Amino acid sequence: MSRIANLPDWHIPYHDKRAINVAFNFVEETEPSIIIIHEVNDFYALSKFSKDPRRRLMMQDELDMSQEWRARLRNRFPLTRIIELDSNHNNK
């Protein structure tokens, strides 16, 4: 039987590092064959909603941070299939 772990709503750069690490620990304990991730990025800079200038962040910084977290996930679970779903944060 295959196990699937769903790790949604990271919203980097407004993520909770401890929560993501707890999720990684859970995945390590349950040893799923598939990990599903979505809404990894927040893409605040591209949002159509009103912006708070105190929350400015360069788009490249956000992309770099999310790639670091994806790399951590891949390094920790090198043999597990990881699927990233499209989400409303990726749509215009």
PDB file of N, CA and C in Angstrom:
ATOM      1  N   MET A   1       0.837  -1.179   0.000  1.00  0.00           N
ATOM      2  CA  MET A   1       0.000   0.000   0.000  1.00  0.00           C
ATOM      3  C   MET A   1       0.886   1.249   0.000  1.00  0.00           C
ATOM      4  N   SER A   2       0.542   2.191  -0.855  1.00  0.00           N
ATOM      5  CA  SER A   2       1.287   3.448  -0.922  1.00  0.00           C
ATOM      6  C   SER A   2       0.754   4.440   0.091  1.00  0.00           C
ATOM      7  N   ARG A   3       1.681   5.175   0.663  1.00  0.00           N
ATOM      8  CA  ARG A   3       1.310   6.266   1.558  1.00  0.00           C
ATOM      9  C   ARG A   3       1.620   7.580   0.861  1.00  0.00           C
ATOM     10  N   ILE A   4       0.740   8.553   1.072  1.00  0.00           N
ATOM     11  CA  ILE A   4       0.918   9.870   0.475  1.00  0.00           C
ATOM     12  C   ILE A   4       0.882  10.908   1.592  1.00  0.00           C
ATOM     13  N   ALA A   5       1.849  11.815   1.576  1.00  0.00           N
ATOM     14  CA  ALA A   5       1.874  12.929   2.522  1.00  0.00           C
ATOM     15  C   ALA A   5       1.579  14.209   1.749  1.00  0.00           C
ATOM     16  N   ASN A   6       0.680  15.013   2.288  1.00  0.00           N
ATOM     17  CA  ASN A   6       0.313  16.280   1.669  1.00  0.00           C
ATOM     18  C   ASN A   6       0.839  17.412   2.549  1.00  0.00           C
ATOM     19  N   LEU A   7       1.723  18.237   1.997  1.00  0.00           N
ATOM     20  CA  LEU A   7       2.324  19.340   2.748  1.00  0.00           C
ATOM     21  C   LEU A   7       1.951  20.660   2.078  1.00  0.00           C
ATOM     22  N   PRO A   8       0.758  21.184   2.354  1.00  0.00           N
ATOM     23  CA  PRO A   8       0.293  22.393   1.672  1.00  0.00           C
ATOM     24  C   PRO A   8       0.628  23.685   2.413  1.00  0.00           C
ATOM     25  N   ASP A   9       0.419  24.779   1.707  1.00  0.00           N
ATOM     26  CA  ASP A   9       0.355  26.123   2.299  1.00  0.00           C
ATOM     27  C   ASP A   9       1.607  26.572   3.032  1.00  0.00           C
ATOM     28  N   TRP A  10       2.741  26.480   2.383  1.00  0.00           N
ATOM     29  CA  TRP A  10       3.972  26.979   2.998  1.00  0.00           C
ATOM     30  C   TRP A  10       3.991  28.500   2.966  1.00  0.00           C
ATOM     31  N   HIS A  11       3.579  29.091   1.858  1.00  0.00           N
ATOM     32  CA  HIS A  11       3.497  30.544   1.684  1.00  0.00           C
ATOM     33  C   HIS A  11       4.809  31.261   1.970  1.00  0.00           C
ATOM     34  N   ILE A  12       5.880  30.742   1.447  1.00  0.00           N
ATOM     35  CA  ILE A  12       7.192  31.376   1.594  1.00  0.00           C
ATOM     36  C   ILE A  12       7.139  32.737   0.923  1.00  0.00           C
ATOM     37  N   PRO A  13       7.570  33.794   1.538  1.00  0.00           N
ATOM     38  CA  PRO A  13       8.484  33.927   2.668  1.00  0.00           C
ATOM     39  C   PRO A  13       7.796  34.130   4.014  1.00  0.00           C
ATOM     40  N   TYR A  14       6.481  33.948   4.075  1.00  0.00           N
ATOM     41  CA  TYR A  14       5.748  34.160   5.332  1.00  0.00           C
ATOM     42  C   TYR A  14       5.464  32.832   6.023  1.00  0.00           C
ATOM     43  N   HIS A  15       6.323  31.874   5.801  1.00  0.00           N
ATOM     44  CA  HIS A  15       6.161  30.515   6.302  1.00  0.00           C
ATOM     45  C   HIS A  15       6.593  30.402   7.767  1.00  0.00           C
ATOM     46  N   ASP A  16       6.172  29.310   8.366  1.00  0.00           N
ATOM     47  CA  ASP A  16       6.577  28.978   9.728  1.00  0.00           C
ATOM     48  C   ASP A  16       7.604  27.846   9.616  1.00  0.00           C
ATOM     49  N   LYS A  17       8.858  28.184   9.816  1.00  0.00           N
ATOM     50  CA  LYS A  17       9.940  27.203   9.658  1.00  0.00           C
ATOM     51  C   LYS A  17       9.752  26.002  10.573  1.00  0.00           C
ATOM     52  N   ARG A  18       9.305  26.255  11.803  1.00  0.00           N
ATOM     53  CA  ARG A  18       9.109  25.138  12.740  1.00  0.00           C
ATOM     54  C   ARG A  18       8.009  24.207  12.251  1.00  0.00           C
ATOM     55  N   ALA A  19       6.942  24.773  11.720  1.00  0.00           N
ATOM     56  CA  ALA A  19       5.833  23.939  11.230  1.00  0.00           C
ATOM     57  C   ALA A  19       6.282  23.073  10.057  1.00  0.00           C
ATOM     58  N   ILE A  20       7.064  23.654   9.159  1.00  0.00           N
ATOM     59  CA  ILE A  20       7.558  22.865   8.024  1.00  0.00           C
ATOM     60  C   ILE A  20       8.489  21.762   8.509  1.00  0.00           C
ATOM     61  N   ASN A  21       9.341  22.062   9.461  1.00  0.00           N
ATOM     62  CA  ASN A  21      10.237  21.030  10.000  1.00  0.00           C
ATOM     63  C   ASN A  21       9.466  19.926  10.716  1.00  0.00           C
ATOM     64  N   VAL A  22       8.395  20.281  11.424  1.00  0.00           N
ATOM     65  CA  VAL A  22       7.548  19.267  12.059  1.00  0.00           C
ATOM     66  C   VAL A  22       6.930  18.375  10.977  1.00  0.00           C
ATOM     67  N   ALA A  23       6.486  18.991   9.886  1.00  0.00           N
ATOM     68  CA  ALA A  23       5.922  18.210   8.784  1.00  0.00           C
ATOM     69  C   ALA A  23       6.972  17.278   8.188  1.00  0.00           C
ATOM     70  N   PHE A  24       8.196  17.775   8.022  1.00  0.00           N
ATOM     71  CA  PHE A  24       9.277  16.926   7.513  1.00  0.00           C
ATOM     72  C   PHE A  24       9.522  15.744   8.457  1.00  0.00           C
ATOM     73  N   ASN A  25       9.497  15.992   9.756  1.00  0.00           N
ATOM     74  CA  ASN A  25       9.684  14.910  10.737  1.00  0.00           C
ATOM     75  C   ASN A  25       8.564  13.876  10.620  1.00  0.00           C
ATOM     76  N   PHE A  26       7.340  14.358  10.437  1.00  0.00           N
ATOM     77  CA  PHE A  26       6.204  13.460  10.277  1.00  0.00           C
ATOM     78  C   PHE A  26       6.390  12.597   9.031  1.00  0.00           C
ATOM     79  N   VAL A  27       6.821  13.225   7.947  1.00  0.00           N
ATOM     80  CA  VAL A  27       7.054  12.475   6.705  1.00  0.00           C
ATOM     81  C   VAL A  27       8.135  11.422   6.927  1.00  0.00           C
ATOM     82  N   GLU A  28       9.174  11.794   7.650  1.00  0.00           N
ATOM     83  CA  GLU A  28      10.245  10.840   7.925  1.00  0.00           C
ATOM     84  C   GLU A  28       9.724   9.636   8.710  1.00  0.00           C
ATOM     85  N   GLU A  29       8.835   9.877   9.655  1.00  0.00           N
ATOM     86  CA  GLU A  29       8.285   8.785  10.467  1.00  0.00           C
ATOM     87  C   GLU A  29       7.331   7.895   9.675  1.00  0.00           C
ATOM     88  N   THR A  30       6.539   8.481   8.811  1.00  0.00           N
ATOM     89  CA  THR A  30       5.516   7.710   8.103  1.00  0.00           C
ATOM     90  C   THR A  30       6.002   7.103   6.795  1.00  0.00           C
ATOM     91  N   GLU A  31       7.142   7.571   6.286  1.00  0.00           N
ATOM     92  CA  GLU A  31       7.769   7.029   5.086  1.00  0.00           C
ATOM     93  C   GLU A  31       6.804   6.868   3.903  1.00  0.00           C
ATOM     94  N   PRO A  32       6.186   7.962   3.461  1.00  0.00           N
ATOM     95  CA  PRO A  32       5.290   7.850   2.310  1.00  0.00           C
ATOM     96  C   PRO A  32       6.079   7.631   1.027  1.00  0.00           C
ATOM     97  N   SER A  33       5.417   7.087   0.039  1.00  0.00           N
ATOM     98  CA  SER A  33       6.068   6.914  -1.255  1.00  0.00           C
ATOM     99  C   SER A  33       5.906   8.161  -2.119  1.00  0.00           C
ATOM    100  N   ILE A  34       4.952   9.009  -1.760  1.00  0.00           N
ATOM    101  CA  ILE A  34       4.697  10.245  -2.501  1.00  0.00           C
ATOM    102  C   ILE A  34       4.499  11.389  -1.511  1.00  0.00           C
ATOM    103  N   ILE A  35       5.107  12.530  -1.818  1.00  0.00           N
ATOM    104  CA  ILE A  35       4.881  13.760  -1.067  1.00  0.00           C
ATOM    105  C   ILE A  35       4.288  14.765  -2.044  1.00  0.00           C
ATOM    106  N   ILE A  36       3.155  15.341  -1.665  1.00  0.00           N
ATOM    107  CA  ILE A  36       2.518  16.372  -2.485  1.00  0.00           C
ATOM    108  C   ILE A  36       2.710  17.712  -1.792  1.00  0.00           C
ATOM    109  N   ILE A  37       3.186  18.700  -2.551  1.00  0.00           N
ATOM    110  CA  ILE A  37       3.332  20.054  -2.020  1.00  0.00           C
ATOM    111  C   ILE A  37       2.572  21.016  -2.928  1.00  0.00           C
ATOM    112  N   HIS A  38       2.060  22.074  -2.328  1.00  0.00           N
ATOM    113  CA  HIS A  38       1.441  23.144  -3.119  1.00  0.00           C
ATOM    114  C   HIS A  38       1.355  24.394  -2.273  1.00  0.00           C
ATOM    115  N   GLU A  39       1.192  25.509  -2.958  1.00  0.00           N
ATOM    116  CA  GLU A  39       1.240  26.830  -2.338  1.00  0.00           C
ATOM    117  C   GLU A  39       2.537  27.011  -1.552  1.00  0.00           C
ATOM    118  N   VAL A  40       3.626  26.642  -2.185  1.00  0.00           N
ATOM    119  CA  VAL A  40       4.947  26.811  -1.585  1.00  0.00           C
ATOM    120  C   VAL A  40       5.281  28.296  -1.519  1.00  0.00           C
ATOM    121  N   ASN A  41       5.067  29.007  -2.611  1.00  0.00           N
ATOM    122  CA  ASN A  41       5.330  30.445  -2.644  1.00  0.00           C
ATOM    123  C   ASN A  41       4.068  31.228  -2.310  1.00  0.00           C
ATOM    124  N   ASP A  42       4.266  32.388  -1.722  1.00  0.00           N
ATOM    125  CA  ASP A  42       3.145  33.288  -1.477  1.00  0.00           C
ATOM    126  C   ASP A  42       2.922  34.213  -2.673  1.00  0.00           C
ATOM    127  N   PHE A  43       3.990  34.627  -3.334  1.00  0.00           N
ATOM    128  CA  PHE A  43       3.944  35.549  -4.463  1.00  0.00           C
ATOM    129  C   PHE A  43       3.200  36.836  -4.117  1.00  0.00           C
ATOM    130  N   TYR A  44       3.504  37.350  -2.948  1.00  0.00           N
ATOM    131  CA  TYR A  44       2.884  38.586  -2.464  1.00  0.00           C
ATOM    132  C   TYR A  44       3.080  39.731  -3.452  1.00  0.00           C
ATOM    133  N   ALA A  45       4.251  39.826  -4.047  1.00  0.00           N
ATOM    134  CA  ALA A  45       4.545  40.926  -4.973  1.00  0.00           C
ATOM    135  C   ALA A  45       3.643  40.897  -6.201  1.00  0.00           C
ATOM    136  N   LEU A  46       3.143  39.724  -6.564  1.00  0.00           N
ATOM    137  CA  LEU A  46       2.288  39.595  -7.739  1.00  0.00           C
ATOM    138  C   LEU A  46       0.802  39.612  -7.411  1.00  0.00           C
ATOM    139  N   SER A  47       0.485  39.644  -6.142  1.00  0.00           N
ATOM    140  CA  SER A  47      -0.909  39.560  -5.724  1.00  0.00           C
ATOM    141  C   SER A  47      -1.709  40.756  -6.232  1.00  0.00           C
ATOM    142  N   LYS A  48      -2.963  40.509  -6.560  1.00  0.00           N
ATOM    143  CA  LYS A  48      -3.841  41.597  -6.984  1.00  0.00           C
ATOM    144  C   LYS A  48      -4.445  42.331  -5.789  1.00  0.00           C
ATOM    145  N   PHE A  49      -4.222  41.810  -4.601  1.00  0.00           N
ATOM    146  CA  PHE A  49      -4.764  42.441  -3.399  1.00  0.00           C
ATOM    147  C   PHE A  49      -3.873  43.589  -2.959  1.00  0.00           C
ATOM    148  N   SER A  50      -4.430  44.469  -2.131  1.00  0.00           N
ATOM    149  CA  SER A  50      -3.673  45.643  -1.694  1.00  0.00           C
ATOM    150  C   SER A  50      -2.414  45.209  -0.953  1.00  0.00           C
ATOM    151  N   LYS A  51      -1.383  46.003  -1.108  1.00  0.00           N
ATOM    152  CA  LYS A  51      -0.064  45.652  -0.579  1.00  0.00           C
ATOM    153  C   LYS A  51       0.296  46.519   0.628  1.00  0.00           C
ATOM    154  N   ASP A  52       0.943  45.924   1.564  1.00  0.00           N
ATOM    155  CA  ASP A  52       1.513  46.626   2.706  1.00  0.00           C
ATOM    156  C   ASP A  52       2.976  46.881   2.366  1.00  0.00           C
ATOM    157  N   PRO A  53       3.398  48.145   2.233  1.00  0.00           N
ATOM    158  CA  PRO A  53       4.791  48.410   1.828  1.00  0.00           C
ATOM    159  C   PRO A  53       5.824  47.868   2.809  1.00  0.00           C
ATOM    160  N   ARG A  54       5.433  47.588   4.040  1.00  0.00           N
ATOM    161  CA  ARG A  54       6.373  47.007   5.009  1.00  0.00           C
ATOM    162  C   ARG A  54       6.668  45.546   4.699  1.00  0.00           C
ATOM    163  N   ARG A  55       5.873  44.945   3.853  1.00  0.00           N
ATOM    164  CA  ARG A  55       6.061  43.526   3.508  1.00  0.00           C
ATOM    165  C   ARG A  55       6.751  43.373   2.164  1.00  0.00           C
ATOM    166  N   ARG A  56       7.489  44.378   1.751  1.00  0.00           N
ATOM    167  CA  ARG A  56       8.190  44.310   0.467  1.00  0.00           C
ATOM    168  C   ARG A  56       9.274  43.250   0.500  1.00  0.00           C
ATOM    169  N   LEU A  57       9.355  42.556  -0.576  1.00  0.00           N
ATOM    170  CA  LEU A  57      10.403  41.555  -0.742  1.00  0.00           C
ATOM    171  C   LEU A  57      10.630  41.415  -2.234  1.00  0.00           C
ATOM    172  N   MET A  58      11.850  41.290  -2.603  1.00  0.00           N
ATOM    173  CA  MET A  58      12.150  41.105  -4.017  1.00  0.00           C
ATOM    174  C   MET A  58      11.669  39.722  -4.460  1.00  0.00           C
ATOM    175  N   MET A  59      11.099  39.667  -5.639  1.00  0.00           N
ATOM    176  CA  MET A  59      10.592  38.395  -6.161  1.00  0.00           C
ATOM    177  C   MET A  59      11.693  37.343  -6.189  1.00  0.00           C
ATOM    178  N   GLN A  60      12.900  37.733  -6.588  1.00  0.00           N
ATOM    179  CA  GLN A  60      13.993  36.766  -6.648  1.00  0.00           C
ATOM    180  C   GLN A  60      14.319  36.204  -5.277  1.00  0.00           C
ATOM    181  N   ASP A  61      14.239  37.041  -4.241  1.00  0.00           N
ATOM    182  CA  ASP A  61      14.479  36.560  -2.875  1.00  0.00           C
ATOM    183  C   ASP A  61      13.472  35.478  -2.507  1.00  0.00           C
ATOM    184  N   GLU A  62      12.218  35.712  -2.838  1.00  0.00           N
ATOM    185  CA  GLU A  62      11.181  34.732  -2.534  1.00  0.00           C
ATOM    186  C   GLU A  62      11.424  33.431  -3.298  1.00  0.00           C
ATOM    187  N   LEU A  63      11.772  33.546  -4.564  1.00  0.00           N
ATOM    188  CA  LEU A  63      12.050  32.350  -5.358  1.00  0.00           C
ATOM    189  C   LEU A  63      13.251  31.586  -4.813  1.00  0.00           C
ATOM    190  N   ASP A  64      14.297  32.316  -4.431  1.00  0.00           N
ATOM    191  CA  ASP A  64      15.487  31.665  -3.863  1.00  0.00           C
ATOM    192  C   ASP A  64      15.161  30.938  -2.569  1.00  0.00           C
ATOM    193  N   MET A  65      14.374  31.577  -1.698  1.00  0.00           N
ATOM    194  CA  MET A  65      14.002  30.946  -0.428  1.00  0.00           C
ATOM    195  C   MET A  65      13.181  29.685  -0.665  1.00  0.00           C
ATOM    196  N   SER A  66      12.254  29.737  -1.595  1.00  0.00           N
ATOM    197  CA  SER A  66      11.427  28.553  -1.848  1.00  0.00           C
ATOM    198  C   SER A  66      12.259  27.425  -2.464  1.00  0.00           C
ATOM    199  N   GLN A  67      13.217  27.779  -3.299  1.00  0.00           N
ATOM    200  CA  GLN A  67      14.096  26.746  -3.863  1.00  0.00           C
ATOM    201  C   GLN A  67      14.949  26.097  -2.767  1.00  0.00           C
ATOM    202  N   GLU A  68      15.376  26.877  -1.791  1.00  0.00           N
ATOM    203  CA  GLU A  68      16.131  26.311  -0.662  1.00  0.00           C
ATOM    204  C   GLU A  68      15.288  25.297   0.095  1.00  0.00           C
ATOM    205  N   TRP A  69      14.010  25.618   0.323  1.00  0.00           N
ATOM    206  CA  TRP A  69      13.136  24.686   1.040  1.00  0.00           C
ATOM    207  C   TRP A  69      12.833  23.451   0.207  1.00  0.00           C
ATOM    208  N   ARG A  70      12.664  23.637  -1.107  1.00  0.00           N
ATOM    209  CA  ARG A  70      12.468  22.466  -1.972  1.00  0.00           C
ATOM    210  C   ARG A  70      13.709  21.573  -1.937  1.00  0.00           C
ATOM    211  N   ALA A  71      14.874  22.195  -1.943  1.00  0.00           N
ATOM    212  CA  ALA A  71      16.129  21.424  -1.889  1.00  0.00           C
ATOM    213  C   ALA A  71      16.242  20.672  -0.564  1.00  0.00           C
ATOM    214  N   ARG A  72      15.845  21.309   0.532  1.00  0.00           N
ATOM    215  CA  ARG A  72      15.861  20.621   1.833  1.00  0.00           C
ATOM    216  C   ARG A  72      14.950  19.400   1.801  1.00  0.00           C
ATOM    217  N   LEU A  73      13.773  19.580   1.220  1.00  0.00           N
ATOM    218  CA  LEU A  73      12.832  18.464   1.107  1.00  0.00           C
ATOM    219  C   LEU A  73      13.444  17.340   0.272  1.00  0.00           C
ATOM    220  N   ARG A  74      14.000  17.684  -0.876  1.00  0.00           N
ATOM    221  CA  ARG A  74      14.586  16.673  -1.750  1.00  0.00           C
ATOM    222  C   ARG A  74      15.775  15.987  -1.085  1.00  0.00           C
ATOM    223  N   ASN A  75      16.632  16.749  -0.430  1.00  0.00           N
ATOM    224  CA  ASN A  75      17.808  16.161   0.233  1.00  0.00           C
ATOM    225  C   ASN A  75      17.408  15.231   1.370  1.00  0.00           C
ATOM    226  N   ARG A  76      16.369  15.575   2.063  1.00  0.00           N
ATOM    227  CA  ARG A  76      15.932  14.757   3.202  1.00  0.00           C
ATOM    228  C   ARG A  76      15.222  13.482   2.742  1.00  0.00           C
ATOM    229  N   PHE A  77      14.568  13.561   1.570  1.00  0.00           N
ATOM    230  CA  PHE A  77      13.801  12.420   1.054  1.00  0.00           C
ATOM    231  C   PHE A  77      14.199  12.151  -0.395  1.00  0.00           C
ATOM    232  N   PRO A  78      15.434  11.713  -0.594  1.00  0.00           N
ATOM    233  CA  PRO A  78      15.963  11.588  -1.962  1.00  0.00           C
ATOM    234  C   PRO A  78      15.262  10.538  -2.824  1.00  0.00           C
ATOM    235  N   LEU A  79      14.652   9.555  -2.229  1.00  0.00           N
ATOM    236  CA  LEU A  79      14.028   8.478  -3.007  1.00  0.00           C
ATOM    237  C   LEU A  79      12.514   8.602  -3.108  1.00  0.00           C
ATOM    238  N   THR A  80      11.949   9.604  -2.463  1.00  0.00           N
ATOM    239  CA  THR A  80      10.503   9.777  -2.442  1.00  0.00           C
ATOM    240  C   THR A  80      10.061  10.614  -3.636  1.00  0.00           C
ATOM    241  N   ARG A  81       8.985  10.207  -4.263  1.00  0.00           N
ATOM    242  CA  ARG A  81       8.428  10.990  -5.371  1.00  0.00           C
ATOM    243  C   ARG A  81       7.788  12.247  -4.783  1.00  0.00           C
ATOM    244  N   ILE A  82       8.154  13.405  -5.325  1.00  0.00           N
ATOM    245  CA  ILE A  82       7.610  14.684  -4.863  1.00  0.00           C
ATOM    246  C   ILE A  82       6.848  15.310  -6.022  1.00  0.00           C
ATOM    247  N   ILE A  83       5.596  15.643  -5.762  1.00  0.00           N
ATOM    248  CA  ILE A  83       4.732  16.251  -6.773  1.00  0.00           C
ATOM    249  C   ILE A  83       4.334  17.631  -6.272  1.00  0.00           C
ATOM    250  N   GLU A  84       4.570  18.649  -7.094  1.00  0.00           N
ATOM    251  CA  GLU A  84       4.119  19.989  -6.736  1.00  0.00           C
ATOM    252  C   GLU A  84       2.914  20.336  -7.602  1.00  0.00           C
ATOM    253  N   LEU A  85       1.799  20.588  -6.943  1.00  0.00           N
ATOM    254  CA  LEU A  85       0.565  20.919  -7.642  1.00  0.00           C
ATOM    255  C   LEU A  85       0.496  22.406  -7.938  1.00  0.00           C
ATOM    256  N   ASP A  86      -0.224  22.743  -8.983  1.00  0.00           N
ATOM    257  CA  ASP A  86      -0.512  24.136  -9.275  1.00  0.00           C
ATOM    258  C   ASP A  86      -1.479  24.648  -8.209  1.00  0.00           C
ATOM    259  N   SER A  87      -1.444  25.933  -7.958  1.00  0.00           N
ATOM    260  CA  SER A  87      -2.330  26.483  -6.931  1.00  0.00           C
ATOM    261  C   SER A  87      -2.744  27.897  -7.292  1.00  0.00           C
ATOM    262  N   ASN A  88      -3.662  28.429  -6.525  1.00  0.00           N
ATOM    263  CA  ASN A  88      -4.144  29.784  -6.786  1.00  0.00           C
ATOM    264  C   ASN A  88      -3.029  30.827  -6.643  1.00  0.00           C
ATOM    265  N   HIS A  89      -1.976  30.543  -5.928  1.00  0.00           N
ATOM    266  CA  HIS A  89      -0.870  31.489  -5.793  1.00  0.00           C
ATOM    267  C   HIS A  89      -0.005  31.513  -7.045  1.00  0.00           C
ATOM    268  N   ASN A  90      -0.180  30.540  -7.919  1.00  0.00           N
ATOM    269  CA  ASN A  90       0.577  30.503  -9.159  1.00  0.00           C
ATOM    270  C   ASN A  90      -0.195  31.097 -10.319  1.00  0.00           C
ATOM    271  N   ASN A  91      -1.472  31.377 -10.104  1.00  0.00           N
ATOM    272  CA  ASN A  91      -2.323  31.893 -11.173  1.00  0.00           C
ATOM    273  C   ASN A  91      -2.439  33.403 -11.072  1.00  0.00           C
ATOM    274  N   LYS A  92      -2.583  34.038 -12.211  1.00  0.00           N
ATOM    275  CA  LYS A  92      -2.738  35.501 -12.240  1.00  0.00           C
ATOM    276  C   LYS A  92      -4.173  35.874 -11.962  1.00  0.00           C
TER     277      LYS A  92
END
